[in-house]
Amino acid sequence: MGVQVLLAGVAAYVMRVNIPLALAGTLITNPFTAALIYPLEYQLGLFLVGPPEAAELEGYEGSLRAFLRYARPLWVGSFVCASVVAIATYGLVSLIWIGAKHASRPRS
């Protein structure tokens, strides 16, 4: 957590979009919501790619072994969730934007 704020800020700057809004959008994953979001994303990742094979973890111990055990399912689940939410949000904002433009047109 925290890295997404930096990445969103840099991406917003490069794309010349609203930086404060991009930063605020990253705050959905805070310590309170992360406790719900990350386990769900991990479970989705396990469903999609399964747990790592025992042979993949062979030779690793301690924190590195735990990281490798959880990393791939969490990354895959996070990527899928983020992609679905991003596409849905884009569609919703586009509909709202089109509706607002249509509503602001002068009527003849």
C-alpha atoms as a PDB file:
ATOM      1  CA  MET A   1       0.000   0.000   0.000  1.00  0.00           C
ATOM      2  CA  GLY A   2       1.133   3.492  -0.715  1.00  0.00           C
ATOM      3  CA  VAL A   3       2.931   2.683  -3.941  1.00  0.00           C
ATOM      4  CA  GLN A   4      -0.298   3.039  -5.909  1.00  0.00           C
ATOM      5  CA  VAL A   5      -0.582   6.679  -4.773  1.00  0.00           C
ATOM      6  CA  LEU A   6       2.820   7.476  -6.235  1.00  0.00           C
ATOM      7  CA  LEU A   7       2.133   5.559  -9.444  1.00  0.00           C
ATOM      8  CA  ALA A   8      -1.269   7.228  -9.869  1.00  0.00           C
ATOM      9  CA  GLY A   9       0.259  10.665  -9.344  1.00  0.00           C
ATOM     10  CA  VAL A  10       2.993  10.085 -11.909  1.00  0.00           C
ATOM     11  CA  ALA A  11       0.565   8.567 -14.411  1.00  0.00           C
ATOM     12  CA  ALA A  12      -1.889  11.460 -13.949  1.00  0.00           C
ATOM     13  CA  TYR A  13       0.906  13.981 -14.472  1.00  0.00           C
ATOM     14  CA  VAL A  14       2.161  12.234 -17.623  1.00  0.00           C
ATOM     15  CA  MET A  15      -1.365  11.900 -19.044  1.00  0.00           C
ATOM     16  CA  ARG A  16      -2.189  15.478 -18.033  1.00  0.00           C
ATOM     17  CA  VAL A  17      -5.331  14.554 -16.113  1.00  0.00           C
ATOM     18  CA  ASN A  18      -6.691  15.569 -12.711  1.00  0.00           C
ATOM     19  CA  ILE A  19      -3.899  14.656 -10.266  1.00  0.00           C
ATOM     20  CA  PRO A  20      -5.890  15.148  -7.003  1.00  0.00           C
ATOM     21  CA  LEU A  21      -8.702  12.978  -8.355  1.00  0.00           C
ATOM     22  CA  ALA A  22      -6.237  10.268  -9.407  1.00  0.00           C
ATOM     23  CA  LEU A  23      -4.653  10.323  -5.947  1.00  0.00           C
ATOM     24  CA  ALA A  24      -8.063  10.213  -4.233  1.00  0.00           C
ATOM     25  CA  GLY A  25      -9.055   7.230  -6.363  1.00  0.00           C
ATOM     26  CA  THR A  26      -6.234   5.194  -4.868  1.00  0.00           C
ATOM     27  CA  LEU A  27      -7.539   5.666  -1.341  1.00  0.00           C
ATOM     28  CA  ILE A  28     -10.141   2.915  -1.738  1.00  0.00           C
ATOM     29  CA  THR A  29      -7.461   0.493  -0.547  1.00  0.00           C
ATOM     30  CA  ASN A  30      -6.631   1.764   2.876  1.00  0.00           C
ATOM     31  CA  PRO A  31      -5.892  -0.327   5.973  1.00  0.00           C
ATOM     32  CA  PHE A  32      -9.620  -0.734   6.637  1.00  0.00           C
ATOM     33  CA  THR A  33     -10.751  -1.838   3.185  1.00  0.00           C
ATOM     34  CA  ALA A  34      -7.571  -3.800   2.403  1.00  0.00           C
ATOM     35  CA  ALA A  35      -8.546  -6.353   5.041  1.00  0.00           C
ATOM     36  CA  LEU A  36     -11.573  -7.206   2.876  1.00  0.00           C
ATOM     37  CA  ILE A  37     -10.251  -6.553  -0.638  1.00  0.00           C
ATOM     38  CA  TYR A  38      -6.927  -8.435  -0.545  1.00  0.00           C
ATOM     39  CA  PRO A  39      -8.309 -11.788   0.690  1.00  0.00           C
ATOM     40  CA  LEU A  40     -11.026 -11.668  -1.981  1.00  0.00           C
ATOM     41  CA  GLU A  41      -8.475 -10.889  -4.683  1.00  0.00           C
ATOM     42  CA  TYR A  42      -6.240 -13.674  -3.388  1.00  0.00           C
ATOM     43  CA  GLN A  43      -9.123 -16.161  -3.512  1.00  0.00           C
ATOM     44  CA  LEU A  44      -9.940 -15.106  -7.076  1.00  0.00           C
ATOM     45  CA  GLY A  45      -6.283 -15.562  -8.003  1.00  0.00           C
ATOM     46  CA  LEU A  46      -6.251 -19.027  -6.429  1.00  0.00           C
ATOM     47  CA  PHE A  47      -9.337 -19.892  -8.458  1.00  0.00           C
ATOM     48  CA  LEU A  48      -7.720 -18.665 -11.679  1.00  0.00           C
ATOM     49  CA  VAL A  49      -4.107 -19.865 -11.338  1.00  0.00           C
ATOM     50  CA  GLY A  50      -4.102 -22.145  -8.304  1.00  0.00           C
ATOM     51  CA  PRO A  51      -1.478 -22.251  -5.576  1.00  0.00           C
ATOM     52  CA  PRO A  52       2.193 -22.576  -6.507  1.00  0.00           C
ATOM     53  CA  GLU A  53       3.532 -26.098  -6.794  1.00  0.00           C
ATOM     54  CA  ALA A  54       5.638 -27.359  -3.882  1.00  0.00           C
ATOM     55  CA  ALA A  55       8.605 -27.701  -6.261  1.00  0.00           C
ATOM     56  CA  GLU A  56       8.392 -23.971  -7.060  1.00  0.00           C
ATOM     57  CA  LEU A  57       8.843 -23.137  -3.381  1.00  0.00           C
ATOM     58  CA  GLU A  58      11.646 -25.621  -2.822  1.00  0.00           C
ATOM     59  CA  GLY A  59      14.820 -23.970  -1.606  1.00  0.00           C
ATOM     60  CA  TYR A  60      13.077 -20.870  -0.281  1.00  0.00           C
ATOM     61  CA  GLU A  61      12.488 -20.308   3.416  1.00  0.00           C
ATOM     62  CA  GLY A  62      10.948 -17.792   5.757  1.00  0.00           C
ATOM     63  CA  SER A  63       9.500 -14.557   4.453  1.00  0.00           C
ATOM     64  CA  LEU A  64      10.606 -15.156   0.867  1.00  0.00           C
ATOM     65  CA  ARG A  65       8.806 -18.505   0.800  1.00  0.00           C
ATOM     66  CA  ALA A  66       5.630 -16.898   2.196  1.00  0.00           C
ATOM     67  CA  PHE A  67       5.890 -14.088  -0.362  1.00  0.00           C
ATOM     68  CA  LEU A  68       6.257 -16.529  -3.255  1.00  0.00           C
ATOM     69  CA  ARG A  69       3.346 -18.595  -1.936  1.00  0.00           C
ATOM     70  CA  TYR A  70       0.937 -15.658  -1.974  1.00  0.00           C
ATOM     71  CA  ALA A  71       2.328 -13.325  -4.657  1.00  0.00           C
ATOM     72  CA  ARG A  72       1.112 -14.844  -7.930  1.00  0.00           C
ATOM     73  CA  PRO A  73      -2.487 -15.549  -6.867  1.00  0.00           C
ATOM     74  CA  LEU A  74      -2.753 -12.096  -5.280  1.00  0.00           C
ATOM     75  CA  TRP A  75      -1.284 -10.343  -8.324  1.00  0.00           C
ATOM     76  CA  VAL A  76      -3.518 -12.203 -10.766  1.00  0.00           C
ATOM     77  CA  GLY A  77      -6.627 -11.627  -8.646  1.00  0.00           C
ATOM     78  CA  SER A  78      -5.751  -7.962  -8.194  1.00  0.00           C
ATOM     79  CA  PHE A  79      -5.142  -7.475 -11.913  1.00  0.00           C
ATOM     80  CA  VAL A  80      -8.449  -9.095 -12.865  1.00  0.00           C
ATOM     81  CA  CYS A  81     -10.415  -7.127 -10.260  1.00  0.00           C
ATOM     82  CA  ALA A  82      -8.725  -3.856 -11.208  1.00  0.00           C
ATOM     83  CA  SER A  83      -9.379  -4.456 -14.899  1.00  0.00           C
ATOM     84  CA  VAL A  84     -13.062  -5.221 -14.391  1.00  0.00           C
ATOM     85  CA  VAL A  85     -13.571  -2.236 -12.088  1.00  0.00           C
ATOM     86  CA  ALA A  86     -11.646   0.082 -14.430  1.00  0.00           C
ATOM     87  CA  ILE A  87     -13.717  -0.949 -17.452  1.00  0.00           C
ATOM     88  CA  ALA A  88     -16.984  -0.652 -15.516  1.00  0.00           C
ATOM     89  CA  THR A  89     -15.995   2.745 -14.124  1.00  0.00           C
ATOM     90  CA  TYR A  90     -14.971   3.988 -17.563  1.00  0.00           C
ATOM     91  CA  GLY A  91     -18.338   2.920 -18.967  1.00  0.00           C
ATOM     92  CA  LEU A  92     -20.267   4.504 -16.112  1.00  0.00           C
ATOM     93  CA  VAL A  93     -18.369   7.791 -16.286  1.00  0.00           C
ATOM     94  CA  SER A  94     -18.807   7.853 -20.075  1.00  0.00           C
ATOM     95  CA  LEU A  95     -22.567   7.378 -19.708  1.00  0.00           C
ATOM     96  CA  ILE A  96     -22.751  10.131 -17.099  1.00  0.00           C
ATOM     97  CA  TRP A  97     -20.633  12.427 -19.272  1.00  0.00           C
ATOM     98  CA  ILE A  98     -22.783  11.800 -22.359  1.00  0.00           C
ATOM     99  CA  GLY A  99     -25.938  12.304 -20.307  1.00  0.00           C
ATOM    100  CA  ALA A 100     -24.610  15.575 -18.883  1.00  0.00           C
ATOM    101  CA  LYS A 101     -23.650  16.842 -22.344  1.00  0.00           C
ATOM    102  CA  HIS A 102     -27.057  15.879 -23.713  1.00  0.00           C
ATOM    103  CA  ALA A 103     -28.870  17.551 -20.803  1.00  0.00           C
ATOM    104  CA  SER A 104     -26.924  20.795 -21.235  1.00  0.00           C
ATOM    105  CA  ARG A 105     -27.783  21.208 -24.941  1.00  0.00           C
ATOM    106  CA  PRO A 106     -30.195  24.016 -25.675  1.00  0.00           C
ATOM    107  CA  ARG A 107     -33.577  22.771 -26.725  1.00  0.00           C
ATOM    108  CA  SER A 108     -35.216  24.249 -29.759  1.00  0.00           C
END
